[in-house]
Amino acid sequence: MAPNSDRPKSIIDSDERWVLAHECGHGAFFPFKLANDVVGWFLHSALFVPYHSWRITHSKHHKATGHLTRDMVFVPRDVNRYKLSRNLAELTEEAPLATLYFLFIQQLFGFPAYLVYNVTGQKYPSVSGFRRSHFVPSAPMFDARTSGIL
């Protein structure tokens, strides 16, 4: 923002808020778990992201990144789905406009769809729609040990 702008600047912009909230979710912003959880909860709430459920699934994601059955966030495509998307991805991977477009779509629709419907996460065929949501404590990505804190 320009220094002489008439637009009021918030103390912390939303992208800065996300970085701080993310670090609290990792337990890395403060040396105390309670401080990370309290500040993380407030920051995530300001961004409309459920703190504890995000913290739990994000931790599981880091422990199993790229694993076909254990990653909670970005489950790799199987061979058939990869072959279908490979040509388009290879054609557009270096194109700045395509990159901007996919980034826009991911941020505007992808992240909310992940939180509400777990779209890029593990498939749970026996669980439908919103019941796979980060907003539902009984969602299948949470076990009995963690559902109590949600």
N, C-alpha and C. Protein backbone atom coordinates (compact mmCIF):
# COMPACT_ATOMS: atom_id res chain seq x y z
N MET A 1 0.84 -1.17 0.00
CA MET A 1 0.00 0.00 0.00
C MET A 1 0.89 1.24 0.00
N ALA A 2 0.50 2.23 -0.78
CA ALA A 2 1.26 3.47 -0.86
C ALA A 2 1.18 4.22 0.47
N PRO A 3 2.27 4.88 0.89
CA PRO A 3 2.27 5.54 2.19
C PRO A 3 1.23 6.64 2.33
N ASN A 4 0.85 7.29 1.25
CA ASN A 4 -0.11 8.40 1.34
C ASN A 4 -1.53 7.98 0.98
N SER A 5 -1.79 6.71 0.97
CA SER A 5 -3.12 6.22 0.59
C SER A 5 -4.15 6.59 1.64
N ASP A 6 -5.37 6.85 1.18
CA ASP A 6 -6.47 7.17 2.09
C ASP A 6 -7.10 5.92 2.68
N ARG A 7 -6.80 4.77 2.11
CA ARG A 7 -7.36 3.52 2.60
C ARG A 7 -6.72 3.15 3.94
N PRO A 8 -7.52 2.90 4.96
CA PRO A 8 -6.92 2.51 6.25
C PRO A 8 -6.28 1.14 6.14
N LYS A 9 -5.13 0.99 6.74
CA LYS A 9 -4.43 -0.28 6.73
C LYS A 9 -4.69 -0.99 8.05
N SER A 10 -5.07 -2.27 7.93
CA SER A 10 -5.26 -3.02 9.16
C SER A 10 -3.90 -3.27 9.80
N ILE A 11 -3.91 -3.58 11.06
CA ILE A 11 -2.66 -3.83 11.76
C ILE A 11 -1.96 -5.03 11.16
N ILE A 12 -2.73 -6.08 10.88
CA ILE A 12 -2.18 -7.27 10.24
C ILE A 12 -3.09 -7.62 9.07
N ASP A 13 -2.55 -7.65 7.85
CA ASP A 13 -3.32 -8.03 6.68
C ASP A 13 -3.62 -9.53 6.72
N SER A 14 -4.58 -9.96 5.90
CA SER A 14 -5.02 -11.36 5.96
C SER A 14 -3.91 -12.35 5.60
N ASP A 15 -3.03 -12.00 4.65
CA ASP A 15 -1.97 -12.95 4.33
C ASP A 15 -0.96 -13.05 5.48
N GLU A 16 -0.69 -11.95 6.14
CA GLU A 16 0.18 -11.99 7.32
C GLU A 16 -0.49 -12.75 8.45
N ARG A 17 -1.80 -12.56 8.58
CA ARG A 17 -2.57 -13.28 9.60
C ARG A 17 -2.48 -14.78 9.35
N TRP A 18 -2.56 -15.18 8.07
CA TRP A 18 -2.49 -16.62 7.75
C TRP A 18 -1.13 -17.20 8.11
N VAL A 19 -0.06 -16.47 7.84
CA VAL A 19 1.28 -16.97 8.18
C VAL A 19 1.40 -17.17 9.68
N LEU A 20 0.95 -16.21 10.46
CA LEU A 20 1.01 -16.34 11.92
C LEU A 20 0.13 -17.49 12.40
N ALA A 21 -1.08 -17.59 11.84
CA ALA A 21 -2.00 -18.66 12.23
C ALA A 21 -1.41 -20.03 11.88
N HIS A 22 -0.78 -20.12 10.72
CA HIS A 22 -0.16 -21.37 10.28
C HIS A 22 0.95 -21.78 11.24
N GLU A 23 1.78 -20.82 11.63
CA GLU A 23 2.86 -21.13 12.57
C GLU A 23 2.32 -21.56 13.93
N CYS A 24 1.22 -20.94 14.37
CA CYS A 24 0.59 -21.38 15.62
C CYS A 24 0.10 -22.81 15.48
N GLY A 25 -0.46 -23.16 14.32
CA GLY A 25 -0.92 -24.52 14.08
C GLY A 25 0.20 -25.54 14.15
N HIS A 26 1.39 -25.14 13.78
CA HIS A 26 2.56 -26.01 13.88
C HIS A 26 3.15 -26.00 15.29
N GLY A 27 2.65 -25.11 16.15
CA GLY A 27 3.21 -24.99 17.49
C GLY A 27 4.55 -24.29 17.49
N ALA A 28 4.79 -23.45 16.47
CA ALA A 28 6.12 -22.86 16.28
C ALA A 28 6.18 -21.36 16.55
N PHE A 29 5.05 -20.72 16.84
CA PHE A 29 5.08 -19.27 17.02
C PHE A 29 5.46 -18.88 18.45
N PHE A 30 4.95 -19.63 19.40
CA PHE A 30 5.27 -19.41 20.82
C PHE A 30 5.90 -20.68 21.38
N PRO A 31 6.67 -20.58 22.45
CA PRO A 31 7.23 -21.80 23.05
C PRO A 31 6.21 -22.57 23.90
N PHE A 32 4.98 -22.05 24.00
CA PHE A 32 3.96 -22.68 24.84
C PHE A 32 2.77 -23.11 23.99
N LYS A 33 2.33 -24.36 24.15
CA LYS A 33 1.22 -24.90 23.37
C LYS A 33 -0.05 -24.09 23.57
N LEU A 34 -0.34 -23.71 24.82
CA LEU A 34 -1.56 -22.96 25.09
C LEU A 34 -1.56 -21.62 24.35
N ALA A 35 -0.43 -20.92 24.36
CA ALA A 35 -0.34 -19.64 23.66
C ALA A 35 -0.55 -19.83 22.16
N ASN A 36 0.08 -20.87 21.58
CA ASN A 36 -0.12 -21.16 20.16
C ASN A 36 -1.58 -21.46 19.86
N ASP A 37 -2.22 -22.25 20.73
CA ASP A 37 -3.61 -22.62 20.49
C ASP A 37 -4.56 -21.42 20.63
N VAL A 38 -4.35 -20.59 21.61
CA VAL A 38 -5.24 -19.43 21.81
C VAL A 38 -5.09 -18.43 20.66
N VAL A 39 -3.85 -18.04 20.37
CA VAL A 39 -3.62 -17.08 19.29
C VAL A 39 -4.02 -17.70 17.95
N GLY A 40 -3.67 -18.96 17.73
CA GLY A 40 -4.04 -19.64 16.49
C GLY A 40 -5.53 -19.71 16.30
N TRP A 41 -6.26 -19.99 17.39
CA TRP A 41 -7.72 -20.06 17.30
C TRP A 41 -8.31 -18.71 16.90
N PHE A 42 -7.83 -17.63 17.52
CA PHE A 42 -8.34 -16.30 17.18
C PHE A 42 -8.00 -15.92 15.74
N LEU A 43 -6.76 -16.17 15.33
CA LEU A 43 -6.36 -15.81 13.97
C LEU A 43 -7.11 -16.65 12.93
N HIS A 44 -7.22 -17.95 13.17
CA HIS A 44 -7.98 -18.79 12.24
C HIS A 44 -9.44 -18.37 12.20
N SER A 45 -10.02 -18.05 13.33
CA SER A 45 -11.41 -17.62 13.36
C SER A 45 -11.63 -16.36 12.54
N ALA A 46 -10.68 -15.43 12.60
CA ALA A 46 -10.78 -14.20 11.80
C ALA A 46 -10.73 -14.51 10.31
N LEU A 47 -10.16 -15.66 9.95
CA LEU A 47 -10.06 -16.06 8.55
C LEU A 47 -11.13 -17.10 8.16
N PHE A 48 -12.03 -17.40 9.10
CA PHE A 48 -13.11 -18.36 8.89
C PHE A 48 -12.59 -19.78 8.61
N VAL A 49 -11.51 -20.13 9.29
CA VAL A 49 -10.93 -21.47 9.17
C VAL A 49 -10.96 -22.11 10.55
N PRO A 50 -11.53 -23.31 10.68
CA PRO A 50 -11.57 -23.97 11.99
C PRO A 50 -10.17 -24.39 12.44
N TYR A 51 -9.70 -23.82 13.53
CA TYR A 51 -8.31 -23.98 13.95
C TYR A 51 -7.92 -25.42 14.26
N HIS A 52 -8.59 -26.04 15.23
CA HIS A 52 -8.13 -27.35 15.69
C HIS A 52 -8.27 -28.43 14.62
N SER A 53 -9.35 -28.42 13.87
CA SER A 53 -9.48 -29.44 12.82
C SER A 53 -8.45 -29.22 11.73
N TRP A 54 -8.18 -27.97 11.37
CA TRP A 54 -7.13 -27.69 10.39
C TRP A 54 -5.77 -28.12 10.95
N ARG A 55 -5.50 -27.80 12.21
CA ARG A 55 -4.22 -28.15 12.83
C ARG A 55 -3.99 -29.66 12.81
N ILE A 56 -5.02 -30.43 13.09
CA ILE A 56 -4.91 -31.89 13.13
C ILE A 56 -4.68 -32.46 11.73
N THR A 57 -5.50 -32.05 10.76
CA THR A 57 -5.33 -32.61 9.42
C THR A 57 -4.05 -32.11 8.76
N HIS A 58 -3.65 -30.88 9.07
CA HIS A 58 -2.41 -30.35 8.50
C HIS A 58 -1.20 -31.11 9.06
N SER A 59 -1.25 -31.45 10.32
CA SER A 59 -0.18 -32.25 10.92
C SER A 59 -0.11 -33.63 10.27
N LYS A 60 -1.27 -34.26 10.07
CA LYS A 60 -1.29 -35.57 9.41
C LYS A 60 -0.77 -35.46 7.99
N HIS A 61 -1.07 -34.35 7.32
CA HIS A 61 -0.57 -34.12 5.96
C HIS A 61 0.95 -34.07 5.95
N HIS A 62 1.55 -33.36 6.90
CA HIS A 62 3.01 -33.27 6.95
C HIS A 62 3.65 -34.62 7.25
N LYS A 63 2.98 -35.44 8.02
CA LYS A 63 3.53 -36.75 8.36
C LYS A 63 3.44 -37.74 7.20
N ALA A 64 2.56 -37.46 6.22
CA ALA A 64 2.36 -38.43 5.13
C ALA A 64 2.22 -37.74 3.77
N THR A 65 2.94 -36.66 3.56
CA THR A 65 2.81 -35.90 2.31
C THR A 65 3.02 -36.79 1.09
N GLY A 66 2.04 -36.77 0.18
CA GLY A 66 2.14 -37.51 -1.06
C GLY A 66 1.79 -38.99 -0.96
N HIS A 67 1.43 -39.47 0.22
CA HIS A 67 1.08 -40.88 0.39
C HIS A 67 -0.33 -41.11 -0.16
N LEU A 68 -0.51 -42.20 -0.89
CA LEU A 68 -1.80 -42.46 -1.53
C LEU A 68 -2.96 -42.66 -0.56
N THR A 69 -2.69 -43.23 0.61
CA THR A 69 -3.79 -43.52 1.52
C THR A 69 -3.74 -42.75 2.83
N ARG A 70 -2.61 -42.11 3.15
CA ARG A 70 -2.51 -41.45 4.45
C ARG A 70 -2.48 -39.92 4.38
N ASP A 71 -2.12 -39.33 3.25
CA ASP A 71 -2.09 -37.87 3.15
C ASP A 71 -3.52 -37.35 3.28
N MET A 72 -3.69 -36.31 4.09
CA MET A 72 -5.01 -35.77 4.35
C MET A 72 -5.41 -34.65 3.38
N VAL A 73 -4.45 -34.09 2.66
CA VAL A 73 -4.73 -32.88 1.90
C VAL A 73 -4.64 -33.10 0.40
N PHE A 74 -3.46 -33.42 -0.09
CA PHE A 74 -3.23 -33.55 -1.52
C PHE A 74 -2.94 -35.01 -1.86
N VAL A 75 -3.98 -35.77 -2.08
CA VAL A 75 -3.82 -37.17 -2.42
C VAL A 75 -3.37 -37.25 -3.87
N PRO A 76 -2.24 -37.91 -4.13
CA PRO A 76 -1.76 -38.01 -5.51
C PRO A 76 -2.78 -38.72 -6.41
N ARG A 77 -2.77 -38.35 -7.67
CA ARG A 77 -3.66 -39.01 -8.63
C ARG A 77 -3.19 -40.44 -8.87
N ASP A 78 -4.16 -41.33 -9.12
CA ASP A 78 -3.76 -42.67 -9.53
C ASP A 78 -3.31 -42.61 -10.99
N VAL A 79 -2.81 -43.69 -11.53
CA VAL A 79 -2.22 -43.70 -12.87
C VAL A 79 -3.22 -43.23 -13.93
N ASN A 80 -4.44 -43.71 -13.87
CA ASN A 80 -5.43 -43.34 -14.88
C ASN A 80 -5.76 -41.85 -14.84
N ARG A 81 -5.98 -41.31 -13.66
CA ARG A 81 -6.28 -39.87 -13.54
C ARG A 81 -5.07 -39.03 -13.94
N TYR A 82 -3.87 -39.52 -13.64
CA TYR A 82 -2.67 -38.79 -14.03
C TYR A 82 -2.55 -38.72 -15.56
N LYS A 83 -2.77 -39.85 -16.24
CA LYS A 83 -2.66 -39.87 -17.69
C LYS A 83 -3.67 -38.94 -18.36
N LEU A 84 -4.87 -38.84 -17.79
CA LEU A 84 -5.89 -37.95 -18.35
C LEU A 84 -5.49 -36.48 -18.24
N SER A 85 -4.85 -36.10 -17.15
CA SER A 85 -4.53 -34.69 -16.92
C SER A 85 -3.13 -34.30 -17.37
N ARG A 86 -2.29 -35.28 -17.69
CA ARG A 86 -0.89 -35.02 -17.98
C ARG A 86 -0.70 -34.07 -19.16
N ASN A 87 -1.40 -34.25 -20.25
CA ASN A 87 -1.20 -33.42 -21.44
C ASN A 87 -1.52 -31.96 -21.16
N LEU A 88 -2.65 -31.68 -20.54
CA LEU A 88 -3.02 -30.30 -20.23
C LEU A 88 -2.02 -29.68 -19.27
N ALA A 89 -1.63 -30.42 -18.25
CA ALA A 89 -0.67 -29.89 -17.27
C ALA A 89 0.67 -29.57 -17.93
N GLU A 90 1.13 -30.46 -18.81
CA GLU A 90 2.41 -30.22 -19.48
C GLU A 90 2.35 -29.02 -20.42
N LEU A 91 1.22 -28.80 -21.05
CA LEU A 91 1.08 -27.68 -21.96
C LEU A 91 1.03 -26.34 -21.24
N THR A 92 0.48 -26.32 -20.04
CA THR A 92 0.26 -25.05 -19.34
C THR A 92 1.19 -24.78 -18.17
N GLU A 93 2.08 -25.71 -17.82
CA GLU A 93 2.86 -25.56 -16.59
C GLU A 93 3.77 -24.35 -16.59
N GLU A 94 4.21 -23.86 -17.72
CA GLU A 94 5.12 -22.72 -17.77
C GLU A 94 4.42 -21.42 -18.22
N ALA A 95 3.13 -21.48 -18.43
CA ALA A 95 2.40 -20.31 -18.93
C ALA A 95 1.96 -19.43 -17.77
N PRO A 96 2.44 -18.18 -17.69
CA PRO A 96 2.08 -17.31 -16.57
C PRO A 96 0.58 -17.08 -16.41
N LEU A 97 -0.13 -16.90 -17.51
CA LEU A 97 -1.58 -16.68 -17.40
C LEU A 97 -2.30 -17.91 -16.86
N ALA A 98 -1.87 -19.09 -17.29
CA ALA A 98 -2.47 -20.32 -16.77
C ALA A 98 -2.16 -20.47 -15.29
N THR A 99 -0.93 -20.16 -14.90
CA THR A 99 -0.55 -20.23 -13.49
C THR A 99 -1.40 -19.28 -12.65
N LEU A 100 -1.57 -18.06 -13.13
CA LEU A 100 -2.39 -17.07 -12.43
C LEU A 100 -3.84 -17.55 -12.33
N TYR A 101 -4.35 -18.10 -13.41
CA TYR A 101 -5.73 -18.60 -13.43
C TYR A 101 -5.90 -19.72 -12.40
N PHE A 102 -5.00 -20.72 -12.43
CA PHE A 102 -5.13 -21.85 -11.51
C PHE A 102 -4.94 -21.42 -10.05
N LEU A 103 -4.07 -20.46 -9.81
CA LEU A 103 -3.89 -19.93 -8.46
C LEU A 103 -5.16 -19.23 -7.98
N PHE A 104 -5.76 -18.44 -8.85
CA PHE A 104 -7.01 -17.74 -8.53
C PHE A 104 -8.11 -18.75 -8.20
N ILE A 105 -8.27 -19.76 -9.05
CA ILE A 105 -9.30 -20.78 -8.83
C ILE A 105 -9.04 -21.53 -7.52
N GLN A 106 -7.79 -21.88 -7.26
CA GLN A 106 -7.45 -22.61 -6.04
C GLN A 106 -7.80 -21.79 -4.80
N GLN A 107 -7.41 -20.53 -4.79
CA GLN A 107 -7.64 -19.72 -3.60
C GLN A 107 -9.11 -19.35 -3.41
N LEU A 108 -9.80 -19.06 -4.51
CA LEU A 108 -11.20 -18.64 -4.40
C LEU A 108 -12.14 -19.81 -4.15
N PHE A 109 -11.89 -20.93 -4.81
CA PHE A 109 -12.80 -22.07 -4.70
C PHE A 109 -12.17 -23.30 -4.05
N GLY A 110 -10.90 -23.55 -4.31
CA GLY A 110 -10.26 -24.79 -3.86
C GLY A 110 -10.14 -24.92 -2.36
N PHE A 111 -9.57 -23.90 -1.71
CA PHE A 111 -9.37 -24.00 -0.26
C PHE A 111 -10.71 -24.06 0.49
N PRO A 112 -11.70 -23.21 0.14
CA PRO A 112 -13.00 -23.37 0.81
C PRO A 112 -13.64 -24.74 0.56
N ALA A 113 -13.51 -25.25 -0.67
CA ALA A 113 -14.08 -26.58 -0.97
C ALA A 113 -13.36 -27.67 -0.19
N TYR A 114 -12.06 -27.50 0.03
CA TYR A 114 -11.32 -28.46 0.84
C TYR A 114 -11.82 -28.43 2.29
N LEU A 115 -12.01 -27.24 2.85
CA LEU A 115 -12.47 -27.15 4.23
C LEU A 115 -13.89 -27.69 4.40
N VAL A 116 -14.77 -27.38 3.45
CA VAL A 116 -16.18 -27.75 3.59
C VAL A 116 -16.47 -29.17 3.13
N TYR A 117 -15.82 -29.62 2.04
CA TYR A 117 -16.13 -30.94 1.48
C TYR A 117 -14.93 -31.88 1.37
N ASN A 118 -13.76 -31.45 1.81
CA ASN A 118 -12.55 -32.28 1.76
C ASN A 118 -12.27 -32.76 0.34
N VAL A 119 -12.40 -31.85 -0.65
CA VAL A 119 -12.35 -32.26 -2.06
C VAL A 119 -11.02 -32.84 -2.50
N THR A 120 -9.89 -32.35 -2.03
CA THR A 120 -8.61 -32.89 -2.48
C THR A 120 -8.05 -33.93 -1.52
N GLY A 121 -8.75 -34.16 -0.43
CA GLY A 121 -8.28 -35.11 0.57
C GLY A 121 -8.68 -36.53 0.24
N GLN A 122 -8.52 -37.42 1.21
CA GLN A 122 -8.88 -38.82 1.04
C GLN A 122 -10.37 -38.93 0.70
N LYS A 123 -10.68 -39.91 -0.11
CA LYS A 123 -12.08 -40.18 -0.46
C LYS A 123 -12.67 -41.09 0.61
N TYR A 124 -13.84 -40.74 1.05
CA TYR A 124 -14.57 -41.56 2.01
C TYR A 124 -15.92 -41.88 1.38
N PRO A 125 -16.00 -42.96 0.58
CA PRO A 125 -17.22 -43.25 -0.19
C PRO A 125 -18.47 -43.44 0.67
N SER A 126 -18.29 -43.90 1.90
CA SER A 126 -19.46 -44.15 2.75
C SER A 126 -19.95 -42.89 3.46
N VAL A 127 -19.21 -41.78 3.31
CA VAL A 127 -19.58 -40.53 3.97
C VAL A 127 -19.88 -39.50 2.90
N SER A 128 -21.03 -38.87 3.00
CA SER A 128 -21.43 -37.96 1.93
C SER A 128 -21.26 -36.49 2.31
N GLY A 129 -21.00 -35.67 1.29
CA GLY A 129 -21.02 -34.22 1.35
C GLY A 129 -20.40 -33.57 2.56
N PHE A 130 -21.21 -32.78 3.25
CA PHE A 130 -20.76 -31.95 4.35
C PHE A 130 -20.25 -32.76 5.54
N ARG A 131 -20.62 -34.04 5.64
CA ARG A 131 -20.15 -34.87 6.75
C ARG A 131 -18.65 -35.15 6.66
N ARG A 132 -18.00 -34.77 5.53
CA ARG A 132 -16.55 -34.89 5.39
C ARG A 132 -15.87 -33.56 5.70
N SER A 133 -16.59 -32.62 6.25
CA SER A 133 -16.12 -31.25 6.44
C SER A 133 -15.21 -31.09 7.65
N HIS A 134 -14.32 -30.10 7.57
CA HIS A 134 -13.49 -29.72 8.71
C HIS A 134 -14.33 -29.09 9.82
N PHE A 135 -15.56 -28.72 9.50
CA PHE A 135 -16.45 -28.10 10.48
C PHE A 135 -17.28 -29.13 11.25
N VAL A 136 -17.12 -30.41 10.93
CA VAL A 136 -17.90 -31.48 11.56
C VAL A 136 -16.96 -32.36 12.39
N PRO A 137 -17.08 -32.32 13.72
CA PRO A 137 -16.15 -33.09 14.57
C PRO A 137 -16.19 -34.60 14.33
N SER A 138 -17.30 -35.13 13.81
CA SER A 138 -17.38 -36.57 13.57
C SER A 138 -16.93 -36.95 12.16
N ALA A 139 -16.32 -36.03 11.43
CA ALA A 139 -15.83 -36.33 10.08
C ALA A 139 -14.80 -37.45 10.13
N PRO A 140 -14.69 -38.24 9.07
CA PRO A 140 -13.83 -39.42 9.12
C PRO A 140 -12.33 -39.13 9.25
N MET A 141 -11.90 -37.90 9.00
CA MET A 141 -10.47 -37.62 9.13
C MET A 141 -10.04 -37.42 10.58
N PHE A 142 -11.00 -37.39 11.48
CA PHE A 142 -10.70 -37.24 12.91
C PHE A 142 -11.00 -38.53 13.62
N ASP A 143 -10.12 -38.92 14.53
CA ASP A 143 -10.37 -40.13 15.30
C ASP A 143 -10.93 -39.77 16.67
N ALA A 144 -11.26 -40.78 17.45
CA ALA A 144 -11.88 -40.56 18.76
C ALA A 144 -10.99 -39.73 19.67
N ARG A 145 -9.67 -39.89 19.53
CA ARG A 145 -8.73 -39.17 20.37
C ARG A 145 -8.77 -37.66 20.11
N THR A 146 -8.97 -37.28 18.84
CA THR A 146 -8.94 -35.85 18.49
C THR A 146 -10.30 -35.19 18.39
N SER A 147 -11.36 -35.96 18.23
CA SER A 147 -12.67 -35.35 18.04
C SER A 147 -13.13 -34.59 19.28
N GLY A 148 -12.63 -34.93 20.45
CA GLY A 148 -13.01 -34.24 21.68
C GLY A 148 -12.55 -32.80 21.74
N ILE A 149 -11.43 -32.46 21.07
CA ILE A 149 -10.94 -31.07 21.10
C ILE A 149 -11.60 -30.20 20.06
N LEU A 150 -12.31 -30.81 19.14
CA LEU A 150 -12.93 -30.02 18.08
C LEU A 150 -14.19 -29.39 18.59
